[in-house]
Amino acid sequence: MPDDRGDFDLARVAALARLALTPDEATLYRTQLRAILAFAAQLRDVPTDGVAPMTHVWSPALPERPDHARPSLPPDEALGNAPDTVAEPRLVRVPRVLG
């Protein structure tokens, strides 16, 4: 899409996005897209030799705890705060949402 000078076909980009742009919007978006592409070019030139690949840019502050199996809540306690229940087979009743 963009060439070495950072030019691009704004009409094609707008068509791909299914946008109908006024001339003023086209001027504004062309300026903004050029700035975005110039920034991307700067990022491409950043030296990343010796930088390990990352899966996330955020590392959790707290370590994850190990997962241990334990007994679940008794059914009466689990259903205790439900607004409407069915006694047997111990279900939560909800309003009908589909035909």
Protein backbone atom coordinates (compact mmCIF):
# COMPACT_ATOMS: atom_id res chain seq x y z
CA MET A 1 0.00 0.00 0.00
CA PRO A 2 2.49 2.75 0.99
CA ASP A 3 5.56 3.15 -1.13
CA ASP A 4 9.05 4.19 -0.03
CA ARG A 5 8.05 7.86 0.22
CA GLY A 6 5.14 7.06 2.56
CA ASP A 7 2.50 7.83 -0.08
CA PHE A 8 -0.66 5.76 -0.23
CA ASP A 9 -3.93 5.70 -2.09
CA LEU A 10 -6.36 7.24 0.40
CA ALA A 11 -9.33 6.50 -1.86
CA ARG A 12 -8.43 2.79 -1.78
CA VAL A 13 -8.04 2.83 2.01
CA ALA A 14 -11.41 4.59 2.36
CA ALA A 15 -13.04 2.09 0.00
CA LEU A 16 -11.66 -0.85 1.99
CA ALA A 17 -13.08 0.72 5.15
CA ARG A 18 -16.33 1.51 3.32
CA LEU A 19 -16.03 5.20 4.12
CA ALA A 20 -17.36 8.08 2.04
CA LEU A 21 -15.00 10.98 2.74
CA THR A 22 -15.58 14.64 2.09
CA PRO A 23 -12.60 16.57 0.64
CA ASP A 24 -11.92 18.11 4.08
CA GLU A 25 -11.99 14.68 5.75
CA ALA A 26 -9.71 13.27 3.04
CA THR A 27 -7.16 16.02 3.71
CA LEU A 28 -7.32 15.45 7.48
CA TYR A 29 -7.09 11.65 7.24
CA ARG A 30 -4.27 11.78 4.68
CA THR A 31 -2.25 13.95 7.10
CA GLN A 32 -3.01 11.64 10.03
CA LEU A 33 -2.21 8.46 8.08
CA ARG A 34 1.10 9.92 6.91
CA ALA A 35 2.00 10.66 10.55
CA ILE A 36 1.04 7.11 11.59
CA LEU A 37 3.09 5.57 8.77
CA ALA A 38 6.06 7.80 9.60
CA PHE A 39 5.90 6.63 13.23
CA ALA A 40 5.69 2.99 12.11
CA ALA A 41 8.80 3.56 9.97
CA GLN A 42 10.60 4.91 13.04
CA LEU A 43 9.62 1.80 15.00
CA ARG A 44 10.90 -0.42 12.19
CA ASP A 45 14.32 1.24 12.56
CA VAL A 46 14.60 0.66 16.33
CA PRO A 47 17.44 -1.79 17.08
CA THR A 48 15.97 -4.90 18.69
CA ASP A 49 19.02 -7.17 18.60
CA GLY A 50 19.29 -9.10 21.84
CA VAL A 51 15.72 -8.30 22.92
CA ALA A 52 13.83 -11.45 23.80
CA PRO A 53 10.38 -11.91 22.25
CA MET A 54 7.53 -11.24 24.64
CA THR A 55 4.04 -12.69 24.85
CA HIS A 56 2.76 -9.73 26.90
CA VAL A 57 3.97 -6.20 27.51
CA TRP A 58 2.60 -6.38 31.04
CA SER A 59 3.95 -8.71 33.67
CA PRO A 60 1.66 -9.51 36.57
CA ALA A 61 2.63 -7.88 39.85
CA LEU A 62 1.42 -10.87 41.86
CA PRO A 63 2.58 -14.42 41.24
CA GLU A 64 -0.06 -16.92 40.27
CA ARG A 65 -1.02 -19.36 42.98
CA PRO A 66 -1.07 -23.08 42.31
CA ASP A 67 -4.43 -24.59 41.49
CA HIS A 68 -5.66 -27.10 44.07
CA ALA A 69 -8.77 -29.24 43.86
CA ARG A 70 -11.17 -28.70 46.73
CA PRO A 71 -14.82 -29.47 47.40
CA SER A 72 -17.42 -27.18 45.88
CA LEU A 73 -20.20 -25.38 47.71
CA PRO A 74 -23.15 -27.43 48.90
CA PRO A 75 -26.10 -26.94 46.49
CA ASP A 76 -28.27 -25.20 49.10
CA GLU A 77 -25.52 -22.66 49.80
CA ALA A 78 -24.76 -22.14 46.10
CA LEU A 79 -28.44 -21.46 45.34
CA GLY A 80 -29.04 -19.48 48.53
CA ASN A 81 -28.89 -16.02 46.87
CA ALA A 82 -30.71 -16.96 43.68
CA PRO A 83 -33.98 -15.00 43.27
CA ASP A 84 -36.01 -17.99 42.02
CA THR A 85 -35.09 -21.65 42.31
CA VAL A 86 -36.66 -25.03 41.56
CA ALA A 87 -36.48 -27.37 44.54
CA GLU A 88 -35.83 -30.49 42.50
CA PRO A 89 -33.47 -30.91 40.65
CA ARG A 90 -32.05 -27.79 42.39
CA LEU A 91 -31.95 -25.31 39.51
CA VAL A 92 -32.08 -21.53 39.14
CA ARG A 93 -35.18 -20.35 37.28
CA VAL A 94 -34.67 -17.48 34.84
CA PRO A 95 -37.13 -15.55 32.63
CA ARG A 96 -37.70 -16.96 29.16
CA VAL A 97 -35.78 -14.96 26.54
CA LEU A 98 -36.34 -17.02 23.40
CA GLY A 99 -39.71 -17.85 21.75
